[in-house]
Amino acid sequence: MLDPAELTRLYNESGVLNAKTVSAFQKHIYSSYHANPRPMPWRTTKDPYCIIVSEIMLQQTQVERVKTKYAEFLSAFPTLAALASAPLEDVLRVWQGLGYNRRALALKRCAEEIISRYNGQFPRDTGELESLPGIGPYTARAVAAFAFGIAEPLIETNIRTVFIHFFFHGRDKISDREIMPLVAATLDRHNPREWYYALMDFGVWLKQQHPNPGRRSRHHVQQSRFEGSNRQLRSRLLRAVMAGPGASALELAGQLGAEQAVVERNLADMEREGFLCRTGSHYLVRDYTKKG
């Protein structure tokens, strides 16, 4: 067994990890992973489209819910081209239940840009991937690793948990800037795909065994309540517009029992973000298939 206190001491003394420590760390993580891997449908494919769908869905959403929606989404939009050409309303309807509808919009825009800018071929360069709508540094590197086997350091919540547990024993407020050199130093560059899956699974196990080490991160944020939030109101507004296209702000406020001024502000935001279009005082889901 690896001793987090000892690993922390050794790392603090030298500021680097020697080859023996890296080997022991990798062996420990892989041993746990091979003994009890978590089966995930997106881990059986190297199709970058399927992987980017799963990565966008998994952002702040429970894995079990994503498993169901992932299959449903790919059944409705089996290819990048199918998603790019689909009406936005259809995409949002299938997305219902995952929350964070901005991600569905970003995923559709991402598909459209890959079709138009790259002739339907996913870019492999992480900089180009990161330039796509809704794709941040983590998602770009995850797609590169899981689809193309490109080894670049990346951090997400479970990976962060592993490194905080083993190399920052007894410390709080650890920044990702401190963690990233360790991710790079321990990265299995021959098989980044399996290595990152192994780290993620170990991070999940750690959270089950210990008070979540990830809470000692400088970047840890407690997720806000959905019930009664403005995010919930936006979700209800979108469903109401899809159910009754052409409703006015006044009508929507009445249906939802919300203040008209708050409804109007949210509708204006959703129009600006690209969810809705307005004809006079009436709101519809914007149809990107009609080019604006």
C-alpha atoms as a PDB file:
ATOM      1  CA  MET A   1       0.000   0.000   0.000  1.00  0.00           C
ATOM      2  CA  LEU A   2       1.149   3.512  -0.759  1.00  0.00           C
ATOM      3  CA  ASP A   3       1.425   5.809   2.236  1.00  0.00           C
ATOM      4  CA  PRO A   4       0.069   9.305   1.402  1.00  0.00           C
ATOM      5  CA  ALA A   5       2.014  10.924   4.246  1.00  0.00           C
ATOM      6  CA  GLU A   6       5.280   9.391   3.032  1.00  0.00           C
ATOM      7  CA  LEU A   7       4.628  10.244  -0.616  1.00  0.00           C
ATOM      8  CA  THR A   8       3.842  13.811   0.381  1.00  0.00           C
ATOM      9  CA  ARG A   9       7.068  14.022   2.407  1.00  0.00           C
ATOM     10  CA  LEU A  10       9.200  12.646  -0.430  1.00  0.00           C
ATOM     11  CA  TYR A  11       7.644  14.954  -2.983  1.00  0.00           C
ATOM     12  CA  ASN A  12       7.982  18.027  -0.760  1.00  0.00           C
ATOM     13  CA  GLU A  13      11.644  17.276  -0.077  1.00  0.00           C
ATOM     14  CA  SER A  14      12.698  17.085  -3.734  1.00  0.00           C
ATOM     15  CA  GLY A  15       9.895  18.738  -5.692  1.00  0.00           C
ATOM     16  CA  VAL A  16      10.005  15.880  -8.210  1.00  0.00           C
ATOM     17  CA  LEU A  17       8.984  12.236  -8.420  1.00  0.00           C
ATOM     18  CA  ASN A  18      11.679   9.672  -9.105  1.00  0.00           C
ATOM     19  CA  ALA A  19      11.125   6.759 -11.474  1.00  0.00           C
ATOM     20  CA  LYS A  20      10.643   4.285  -8.624  1.00  0.00           C
ATOM     21  CA  THR A  21       7.846   6.354  -7.071  1.00  0.00           C
ATOM     22  CA  VAL A  22       6.135   6.862 -10.423  1.00  0.00           C
ATOM     23  CA  SER A  23       6.272   3.129 -11.132  1.00  0.00           C
ATOM     24  CA  ALA A  24       4.854   2.257  -7.702  1.00  0.00           C
ATOM     25  CA  PHE A  25       2.066   4.818  -8.090  1.00  0.00           C
ATOM     26  CA  GLN A  26       1.091   3.572 -11.545  1.00  0.00           C
ATOM     27  CA  LYS A  27       1.157  -0.047 -10.396  1.00  0.00           C
ATOM     28  CA  HIS A  28      -1.084   0.751  -7.422  1.00  0.00           C
ATOM     29  CA  ILE A  29      -3.654   2.625  -9.534  1.00  0.00           C
ATOM     30  CA  TYR A  30      -3.688   0.032 -12.322  1.00  0.00           C
ATOM     31  CA  SER A  31      -3.967  -2.853  -9.875  1.00  0.00           C
ATOM     32  CA  SER A  32      -7.108  -1.359  -8.346  1.00  0.00           C
ATOM     33  CA  TYR A  33      -8.567  -0.577 -11.775  1.00  0.00           C
ATOM     34  CA  HIS A  34      -7.967  -4.024 -13.266  1.00  0.00           C
ATOM     35  CA  ALA A  35      -9.479  -5.677 -10.189  1.00  0.00           C
ATOM     36  CA  ASN A  36     -12.711  -3.688 -10.365  1.00  0.00           C
ATOM     37  CA  PRO A  37     -13.178  -1.457 -13.427  1.00  0.00           C
ATOM     38  CA  ARG A  38     -16.414   0.500 -13.755  1.00  0.00           C
ATOM     39  CA  PRO A  39     -18.243  -0.538 -16.955  1.00  0.00           C
ATOM     40  CA  MET A  40     -19.287   2.512 -18.976  1.00  0.00           C
ATOM     41  CA  PRO A  41     -20.779   2.394 -22.487  1.00  0.00           C
ATOM     42  CA  TRP A  42     -18.535   5.209 -23.746  1.00  0.00           C
ATOM     43  CA  ARG A  43     -15.435   3.269 -22.681  1.00  0.00           C
ATOM     44  CA  THR A  44     -16.122   0.637 -25.349  1.00  0.00           C
ATOM     45  CA  THR A  45     -15.656   3.059 -28.254  1.00  0.00           C
ATOM     46  CA  LYS A  46     -12.975   5.301 -29.689  1.00  0.00           C
ATOM     47  CA  ASP A  47     -15.433   7.238 -31.838  1.00  0.00           C
ATOM     48  CA  PRO A  48     -14.723  10.903 -30.985  1.00  0.00           C
ATOM     49  CA  TYR A  49     -18.380  11.825 -31.535  1.00  0.00           C
ATOM     50  CA  CYS A  50     -19.598   9.311 -28.947  1.00  0.00           C
ATOM     51  CA  ILE A  51     -16.850  10.379 -26.561  1.00  0.00           C
ATOM     52  CA  ILE A  52     -17.597  14.091 -26.830  1.00  0.00           C
ATOM     53  CA  VAL A  53     -21.306  13.404 -26.232  1.00  0.00           C
ATOM     54  CA  SER A  54     -20.444  11.480 -23.051  1.00  0.00           C
ATOM     55  CA  GLU A  55     -17.978  14.112 -21.830  1.00  0.00           C
ATOM     56  CA  ILE A  56     -20.466  16.969 -22.248  1.00  0.00           C
ATOM     57  CA  MET A  57     -23.186  14.939 -20.532  1.00  0.00           C
ATOM     58  CA  LEU A  58     -20.959  13.973 -17.608  1.00  0.00           C
ATOM     59  CA  GLN A  59     -20.236  17.558 -16.609  1.00  0.00           C
ATOM     60  CA  GLN A  60     -21.958  17.939 -13.209  1.00  0.00           C
ATOM     61  CA  THR A  61     -24.429  15.129 -13.951  1.00  0.00           C
ATOM     62  CA  GLN A  62     -24.733  11.767 -12.189  1.00  0.00           C
ATOM     63  CA  VAL A  63     -23.189   8.856 -14.101  1.00  0.00           C
ATOM     64  CA  GLU A  64     -26.240   6.582 -13.835  1.00  0.00           C
ATOM     65  CA  ARG A  65     -28.476   9.230 -15.371  1.00  0.00           C
ATOM     66  CA  VAL A  66     -25.968   9.782 -18.167  1.00  0.00           C
ATOM     67  CA  LYS A  67     -25.852   6.073 -19.037  1.00  0.00           C
ATOM     68  CA  THR A  68     -29.538   6.145 -19.952  1.00  0.00           C
ATOM     69  CA  LYS A  69     -29.455   9.488 -21.742  1.00  0.00           C
ATOM     70  CA  TYR A  70     -26.270   8.628 -23.632  1.00  0.00           C
ATOM     71  CA  ALA A  71     -27.957   5.663 -25.320  1.00  0.00           C
ATOM     72  CA  GLU A  72     -31.123   7.668 -25.988  1.00  0.00           C
ATOM     73  CA  PHE A  73     -29.200  10.591 -27.461  1.00  0.00           C
ATOM     74  CA  LEU A  74     -27.097   8.435 -29.786  1.00  0.00           C
ATOM     75  CA  SER A  75     -30.213   6.592 -30.917  1.00  0.00           C
ATOM     76  CA  ALA A  76     -31.813   9.914 -31.867  1.00  0.00           C
ATOM     77  CA  PHE A  77     -28.623  11.442 -33.330  1.00  0.00           C
ATOM     78  CA  PRO A  78     -26.327   8.534 -34.270  1.00  0.00           C
ATOM     79  CA  THR A  79     -23.744  10.616 -36.118  1.00  0.00           C
ATOM     80  CA  LEU A  80     -22.153  14.029 -35.991  1.00  0.00           C
ATOM     81  CA  ALA A  81     -23.966  14.974 -39.194  1.00  0.00           C
ATOM     82  CA  ALA A  82     -27.304  13.879 -37.740  1.00  0.00           C
ATOM     83  CA  LEU A  83     -26.813  16.122 -34.715  1.00  0.00           C
ATOM     84  CA  ALA A  84     -25.609  19.066 -36.815  1.00  0.00           C
ATOM     85  CA  SER A  85     -28.672  18.926 -39.087  1.00  0.00           C
ATOM     86  CA  ALA A  86     -31.262  18.254 -36.367  1.00  0.00           C
ATOM     87  CA  PRO A  87     -33.646  21.016 -35.267  1.00  0.00           C
ATOM     88  CA  LEU A  88     -32.516  22.509 -31.972  1.00  0.00           C
ATOM     89  CA  GLU A  89     -35.913  21.754 -30.444  1.00  0.00           C
ATOM     90  CA  ASP A  90     -35.423  18.023 -31.104  1.00  0.00           C
ATOM     91  CA  VAL A  91     -31.998  18.116 -29.463  1.00  0.00           C
ATOM     92  CA  LEU A  92     -33.314  19.933 -26.408  1.00  0.00           C
ATOM     93  CA  ARG A  93     -36.239  17.549 -26.110  1.00  0.00           C
ATOM     94  CA  VAL A  94     -33.957  14.491 -26.004  1.00  0.00           C
ATOM     95  CA  TRP A  95     -31.651  16.309 -23.574  1.00  0.00           C
ATOM     96  CA  GLN A  96     -34.476  16.867 -21.064  1.00  0.00           C
ATOM     97  CA  GLY A  97     -33.661  15.298 -17.703  1.00  0.00           C
ATOM     98  CA  LEU A  98     -29.928  16.057 -17.809  1.00  0.00           C
ATOM     99  CA  GLY A  99     -30.229  19.743 -16.954  1.00  0.00           C
ATOM    100  CA  TYR A 100     -27.798  22.460 -18.033  1.00  0.00           C
ATOM    101  CA  ASN A 101     -29.444  22.977 -21.420  1.00  0.00           C
ATOM    102  CA  ARG A 102     -26.584  25.288 -22.452  1.00  0.00           C
ATOM    103  CA  ARG A 103     -24.523  22.131 -22.916  1.00  0.00           C
ATOM    104  CA  ALA A 104     -26.996  20.695 -25.411  1.00  0.00           C
ATOM    105  CA  LEU A 105     -26.872  23.938 -27.378  1.00  0.00           C
ATOM    106  CA  ALA A 106     -23.057  23.979 -27.245  1.00  0.00           C
ATOM    107  CA  LEU A 107     -22.875  20.328 -28.339  1.00  0.00           C
ATOM    108  CA  LYS A 108     -25.066  21.037 -31.372  1.00  0.00           C
ATOM    109  CA  ARG A 109     -23.018  24.109 -32.275  1.00  0.00           C
ATOM    110  CA  CYS A 110     -19.878  22.029 -31.867  1.00  0.00           C
ATOM    111  CA  ALA A 111     -21.217  19.449 -34.326  1.00  0.00           C
ATOM    112  CA  GLU A 112     -22.107  22.193 -36.809  1.00  0.00           C
ATOM    113  CA  GLU A 113     -18.615  23.689 -36.619  1.00  0.00           C
ATOM    114  CA  ILE A 114     -16.877  20.348 -37.119  1.00  0.00           C
ATOM    115  CA  ILE A 115     -19.035  19.786 -40.210  1.00  0.00           C
ATOM    116  CA  SER A 116     -18.407  23.262 -41.604  1.00  0.00           C
ATOM    117  CA  ARG A 117     -14.793  23.900 -40.525  1.00  0.00           C
ATOM    118  CA  TYR A 118     -13.335  20.399 -40.655  1.00  0.00           C
ATOM    119  CA  ASN A 119     -15.541  18.664 -43.245  1.00  0.00           C
ATOM    120  CA  GLY A 120     -16.935  16.401 -40.547  1.00  0.00           C
ATOM    121  CA  GLN A 121     -13.525  15.166 -39.343  1.00  0.00           C
ATOM    122  CA  PHE A 122     -12.733  15.684 -35.671  1.00  0.00           C
ATOM    123  CA  PRO A 123      -9.559  17.704 -35.142  1.00  0.00           C
ATOM    124  CA  ARG A 124      -6.924  15.881 -33.101  1.00  0.00           C
ATOM    125  CA  ASP A 125      -5.038  18.954 -31.931  1.00  0.00           C
ATOM    126  CA  THR A 126      -6.152  19.976 -28.449  1.00  0.00           C
ATOM    127  CA  GLY A 127      -5.925  23.665 -29.347  1.00  0.00           C
ATOM    128  CA  GLU A 128      -8.320  23.177 -32.249  1.00  0.00           C
ATOM    129  CA  LEU A 129     -10.623  21.042 -30.119  1.00  0.00           C
ATOM    130  CA  GLU A 130     -10.642  23.727 -27.439  1.00  0.00           C
ATOM    131  CA  SER A 131     -11.684  26.336 -30.015  1.00  0.00           C
ATOM    132  CA  LEU A 132     -14.994  24.527 -30.544  1.00  0.00           C
ATOM    133  CA  PRO A 133     -18.171  25.725 -28.748  1.00  0.00           C
ATOM    134  CA  GLY A 134     -18.486  24.420 -25.200  1.00  0.00           C
ATOM    135  CA  ILE A 135     -15.124  22.620 -25.243  1.00  0.00           C
ATOM    136  CA  GLY A 136     -12.782  23.635 -22.427  1.00  0.00           C
ATOM    137  CA  PRO A 137      -9.250  22.472 -21.619  1.00  0.00           C
ATOM    138  CA  TYR A 138     -10.362  19.275 -19.863  1.00  0.00           C
ATOM    139  CA  THR A 139     -12.851  18.160 -22.538  1.00  0.00           C
ATOM    140  CA  ALA A 140     -10.402  18.852 -25.373  1.00  0.00           C
ATOM    141  CA  ARG A 141      -7.721  16.709 -23.712  1.00  0.00           C
ATOM    142  CA  ALA A 142     -10.195  13.992 -22.737  1.00  0.00           C
ATOM    143  CA  VAL A 143     -11.385  13.625 -26.339  1.00  0.00           C
ATOM    144  CA  ALA A 144      -7.780  13.601 -27.552  1.00  0.00           C
ATOM    145  CA  ALA A 145      -6.822  10.905 -25.028  1.00  0.00           C
ATOM    146  CA  PHE A 146      -9.902   8.674 -25.225  1.00  0.00           C
ATOM    147  CA  ALA A 147     -10.450   8.877 -28.991  1.00  0.00           C
ATOM    148  CA  PHE A 148      -6.931   9.333 -30.362  1.00  0.00           C
ATOM    149  CA  GLY A 149      -4.572   8.134 -27.628  1.00  0.00           C
ATOM    150  CA  ILE A 150      -2.929  11.549 -27.340  1.00  0.00           C
ATOM    151  CA  ALA A 151      -1.183  11.918 -23.984  1.00  0.00           C
ATOM    152  CA  GLU A 152      -1.578  15.363 -22.455  1.00  0.00           C
ATOM    153  CA  PRO A 153      -2.048  16.184 -18.760  1.00  0.00           C
ATOM    154  CA  LEU A 154      -5.654  16.773 -17.725  1.00  0.00           C
ATOM    155  CA  ILE A 155      -7.548  17.278 -14.497  1.00  0.00           C
ATOM    156  CA  GLU A 156     -11.140  16.546 -13.541  1.00  0.00           C
ATOM    157  CA  THR A 157     -12.752  16.038 -10.168  1.00  0.00           C
ATOM    158  CA  ASN A 158     -11.828  12.378  -9.605  1.00  0.00           C
ATOM    159  CA  ILE A 159      -8.281  12.759 -10.908  1.00  0.00           C
ATOM    160  CA  ARG A 160      -7.859  15.807  -8.673  1.00  0.00           C
ATOM    161  CA  THR A 161      -9.032  13.712  -5.717  1.00  0.00           C
ATOM    162  CA  VAL A 162      -6.369  11.046  -6.324  1.00  0.00           C
ATOM    163  CA  PHE A 163      -3.452  13.477  -6.418  1.00  0.00           C
ATOM    164  CA  ILE A 164      -4.633  15.478  -3.421  1.00  0.00           C
ATOM    165  CA  HIS A 165      -4.989  12.263  -1.416  1.00  0.00           C
ATOM    166  CA  PHE A 166      -1.527  10.912  -2.217  1.00  0.00           C
ATOM    167  CA  PHE A 167       0.683  13.983  -2.607  1.00  0.00           C
ATOM    168  CA  PHE A 168      -0.877  16.750  -0.496  1.00  0.00           C
ATOM    169  CA  HIS A 169      -1.460  14.948   2.769  1.00  0.00           C
ATOM    170  CA  GLY A 170      -2.675  17.295   5.532  1.00  0.00           C
ATOM    171  CA  ARG A 171      -3.009  20.336   3.254  1.00  0.00           C
ATOM    172  CA  ASP A 172      -5.983  22.421   2.162  1.00  0.00           C
ATOM    173  CA  LYS A 173      -6.583  24.899  -0.649  1.00  0.00           C
ATOM    174  CA  ILE A 174      -4.479  23.003  -3.192  1.00  0.00           C
ATOM    175  CA  SER A 175      -4.555  24.563  -6.640  1.00  0.00           C
ATOM    176  CA  ASP A 176      -4.662  22.685  -9.941  1.00  0.00           C
ATOM    177  CA  ARG A 177      -1.451  24.494 -10.851  1.00  0.00           C
ATOM    178  CA  GLU A 178       0.267  22.487  -8.101  1.00  0.00           C
ATOM    179  CA  ILE A 179      -1.348  19.225  -9.193  1.00  0.00           C
ATOM    180  CA  MET A 180      -0.677  19.451 -12.937  1.00  0.00           C
ATOM    181  CA  PRO A 181       3.094  18.700 -12.757  1.00  0.00           C
ATOM    182  CA  LEU A 182       2.246  15.491 -10.881  1.00  0.00           C
ATOM    183  CA  VAL A 183      -0.335  14.505 -13.499  1.00  0.00           C
ATOM    184  CA  ALA A 184       2.290  15.038 -16.191  1.00  0.00           C
ATOM    185  CA  ALA A 185       5.017  13.170 -14.300  1.00  0.00           C
ATOM    186  CA  THR A 186       2.875  10.072 -13.657  1.00  0.00           C
ATOM    187  CA  LEU A 187       1.069   9.972 -17.021  1.00  0.00           C
ATOM    188  CA  ASP A 188       1.219   6.647 -18.869  1.00  0.00           C
ATOM    189  CA  ARG A 189       2.109   8.106 -22.245  1.00  0.00           C
ATOM    190  CA  HIS A 190       1.796   4.734 -23.961  1.00  0.00           C
ATOM    191  CA  ASN A 191      -1.836   4.288 -22.897  1.00  0.00           C
ATOM    192  CA  PRO A 192      -3.349   7.567 -21.650  1.00  0.00           C
ATOM    193  CA  ARG A 193      -6.859   6.298 -22.317  1.00  0.00           C
ATOM    194  CA  GLU A 194      -6.692   3.418 -19.840  1.00  0.00           C
ATOM    195  CA  TRP A 195      -4.575   5.394 -17.378  1.00  0.00           C
ATOM    196  CA  TYR A 196      -7.105   8.192 -17.074  1.00  0.00           C
ATOM    197  CA  TYR A 197      -9.963   5.712 -16.707  1.00  0.00           C
ATOM    198  CA  ALA A 198      -7.975   4.034 -13.929  1.00  0.00           C
ATOM    199  CA  LEU A 199      -7.343   7.338 -12.142  1.00  0.00           C
ATOM    200  CA  MET A 200     -11.009   8.308 -12.372  1.00  0.00           C
ATOM    201  CA  ASP A 201     -12.168   4.994 -10.954  1.00  0.00           C
ATOM    202  CA  PHE A 202      -9.669   5.228  -8.112  1.00  0.00           C
ATOM    203  CA  GLY A 203     -10.906   8.740  -7.336  1.00  0.00           C
ATOM    204  CA  VAL A 204     -14.480   7.453  -7.097  1.00  0.00           C
ATOM    205  CA  TRP A 205     -13.326   4.693  -4.735  1.00  0.00           C
ATOM    206  CA  LEU A 206     -11.435   7.189  -2.571  1.00  0.00           C
ATOM    207  CA  LYS A 207     -14.566   9.295  -2.139  1.00  0.00           C
ATOM    208  CA  GLN A 208     -16.375   6.210  -0.876  1.00  0.00           C
ATOM    209  CA  GLN A 209     -13.612   5.377   1.622  1.00  0.00           C
ATOM    210  CA  HIS A 210     -12.622   8.814   2.960  1.00  0.00           C
ATOM    211  CA  PRO A 211     -14.137  12.250   3.492  1.00  0.00           C
ATOM    212  CA  ASN A 212     -13.882  13.562  -0.069  1.00  0.00           C
ATOM    213  CA  PRO A 213     -10.238  14.666  -0.507  1.00  0.00           C
ATOM    214  CA  GLY A 214     -11.395  16.838  -3.411  1.00  0.00           C
ATOM    215  CA  ARG A 215     -12.905  19.239  -0.900  1.00  0.00           C
ATOM    216  CA  ARG A 216      -9.364  20.256  -0.018  1.00  0.00           C
ATOM    217  CA  SER A 217      -8.971  21.717  -3.502  1.00  0.00           C
ATOM    218  CA  ARG A 218      -8.871  25.480  -3.939  1.00  0.00           C
ATOM    219  CA  HIS A 219     -11.336  24.950  -6.795  1.00  0.00           C
ATOM    220  CA  HIS A 220     -13.944  22.946  -4.880  1.00  0.00           C
ATOM    221  CA  VAL A 221     -17.392  24.518  -5.174  1.00  0.00           C
ATOM    222  CA  GLN A 222     -20.541  23.224  -3.513  1.00  0.00           C
ATOM    223  CA  GLN A 223     -23.193  22.780  -6.174  1.00  0.00           C
ATOM    224  CA  SER A 224     -26.100  25.140  -5.636  1.00  0.00           C
ATOM    225  CA  ARG A 225     -29.624  23.869  -5.061  1.00  0.00           C
ATOM    226  CA  PHE A 226     -31.679  23.363  -8.211  1.00  0.00           C
ATOM    227  CA  GLU A 227     -35.085  23.498  -6.518  1.00  0.00           C
ATOM    228  CA  GLY A 228     -36.367  27.060  -6.517  1.00  0.00           C
ATOM    229  CA  SER A 229     -33.354  28.407  -8.410  1.00  0.00           C
ATOM    230  CA  ASN A 230     -33.298  30.586 -11.498  1.00  0.00           C
ATOM    231  CA  ARG A 231     -31.783  27.605 -13.316  1.00  0.00           C
ATOM    232  CA  GLN A 232     -34.961  25.657 -12.556  1.00  0.00           C
ATOM    233  CA  LEU A 233     -37.099  28.538 -13.845  1.00  0.00           C
ATOM    234  CA  ARG A 234     -35.119  28.615 -17.108  1.00  0.00           C
ATOM    235  CA  SER A 235     -35.645  24.881 -17.512  1.00  0.00           C
ATOM    236  CA  ARG A 236     -39.377  25.244 -16.929  1.00  0.00           C
ATOM    237  CA  LEU A 237     -39.536  28.171 -19.367  1.00  0.00           C
ATOM    238  CA  LEU A 238     -37.842  26.168 -22.088  1.00  0.00           C
ATOM    239  CA  ARG A 239     -40.194  23.227 -21.587  1.00  0.00           C
ATOM    240  CA  ALA A 240     -43.182  25.580 -21.678  1.00  0.00           C
ATOM    241  CA  VAL A 241     -42.047  27.184 -24.939  1.00  0.00           C
ATOM    242  CA  MET A 242     -41.524  23.768 -26.523  1.00  0.00           C
ATOM    243  CA  ALA A 243     -44.930  22.597 -25.316  1.00  0.00           C
ATOM    244  CA  GLY A 244     -46.735  25.745 -26.491  1.00  0.00           C
ATOM    245  CA  PRO A 245     -44.756  27.497 -29.245  1.00  0.00           C
ATOM    246  CA  GLY A 246     -45.653  31.146 -29.735  1.00  0.00           C
ATOM    247  CA  ALA A 247     -46.486  31.958 -26.117  1.00  0.00           C
ATOM    248  CA  SER A 248     -45.842  35.473 -24.854  1.00  0.00           C
ATOM    249  CA  ALA A 249     -43.940  36.442 -21.726  1.00  0.00           C
ATOM    250  CA  LEU A 250     -47.220  37.304 -20.045  1.00  0.00           C
ATOM    251  CA  GLU A 251     -48.699  33.906 -20.893  1.00  0.00           C
ATOM    252  CA  LEU A 252     -45.586  32.071 -19.774  1.00  0.00           C
ATOM    253  CA  ALA A 253     -45.493  33.969 -16.479  1.00  0.00           C
ATOM    254  CA  GLY A 254     -49.104  32.960 -15.863  1.00  0.00           C
ATOM    255  CA  GLN A 255     -48.461  29.307 -16.703  1.00  0.00           C
ATOM    256  CA  LEU A 256     -45.464  29.078 -14.396  1.00  0.00           C
ATOM    257  CA  GLY A 257     -46.727  31.300 -11.601  1.00  0.00           C
ATOM    258  CA  ALA A 258     -43.636  33.491 -11.886  1.00  0.00           C
ATOM    259  CA  GLU A 259     -43.109  37.245 -11.884  1.00  0.00           C
ATOM    260  CA  GLN A 260     -43.422  38.636 -15.392  1.00  0.00           C
ATOM    261  CA  ALA A 261     -40.310  40.812 -15.053  1.00  0.00           C
ATOM    262  CA  VAL A 262     -38.225  37.775 -14.074  1.00  0.00           C
ATOM    263  CA  VAL A 263     -39.672  35.759 -16.953  1.00  0.00           C
ATOM    264  CA  GLU A 264     -38.972  38.565 -19.421  1.00  0.00           C
ATOM    265  CA  ARG A 265     -35.377  38.870 -18.234  1.00  0.00           C
ATOM    266  CA  ASN A 266     -34.789  35.137 -18.628  1.00  0.00           C
ATOM    267  CA  LEU A 267     -36.453  35.028 -22.034  1.00  0.00           C
ATOM    268  CA  ALA A 268     -34.211  37.875 -23.200  1.00  0.00           C
ATOM    269  CA  ASP A 269     -31.161  36.002 -21.921  1.00  0.00           C
ATOM    270  CA  MET A 270     -32.251  32.787 -23.651  1.00  0.00           C
ATOM    271  CA  GLU A 271     -32.855  34.666 -26.897  1.00  0.00           C
ATOM    272  CA  ARG A 272     -29.390  36.233 -26.727  1.00  0.00           C
ATOM    273  CA  GLU A 273     -27.776  32.862 -25.955  1.00  0.00           C
ATOM    274  CA  GLY A 274     -29.410  31.264 -28.997  1.00  0.00           C
ATOM    275  CA  PHE A 275     -32.102  29.090 -27.415  1.00  0.00           C
ATOM    276  CA  LEU A 276     -35.103  31.157 -28.478  1.00  0.00           C
ATOM    277  CA  CYS A 277     -36.231  33.533 -31.185  1.00  0.00           C
ATOM    278  CA  ARG A 278     -39.004  36.102 -30.865  1.00  0.00           C
ATOM    279  CA  THR A 279     -41.682  37.071 -33.339  1.00  0.00           C
ATOM    280  CA  GLY A 280     -43.369  40.172 -32.004  1.00  0.00           C
ATOM    281  CA  SER A 281     -44.176  39.257 -28.418  1.00  0.00           C
ATOM    282  CA  HIS A 282     -44.173  35.501 -29.071  1.00  0.00           C
ATOM    283  CA  TYR A 283     -41.326  33.060 -28.362  1.00  0.00           C
ATOM    284  CA  LEU A 284     -40.202  29.961 -30.241  1.00  0.00           C
ATOM    285  CA  VAL A 285     -37.207  27.641 -29.997  1.00  0.00           C
ATOM    286  CA  ARG A 286     -34.677  28.833 -32.514  1.00  0.00           C
ATOM    287  CA  ASP A 287     -34.213  26.543 -35.501  1.00  0.00           C
ATOM    288  CA  TYR A 288     -30.562  26.466 -36.508  1.00  0.00           C
ATOM    289  CA  THR A 289     -31.395  24.286 -39.504  1.00  0.00           C
ATOM    290  CA  LYS A 290     -32.873  27.425 -41.086  1.00  0.00           C
ATOM    291  CA  LYS A 291     -29.542  29.295 -40.716  1.00  0.00           C
ATOM    292  CA  GLY A 292     -30.546  31.882 -38.127  1.00  0.00           C
END
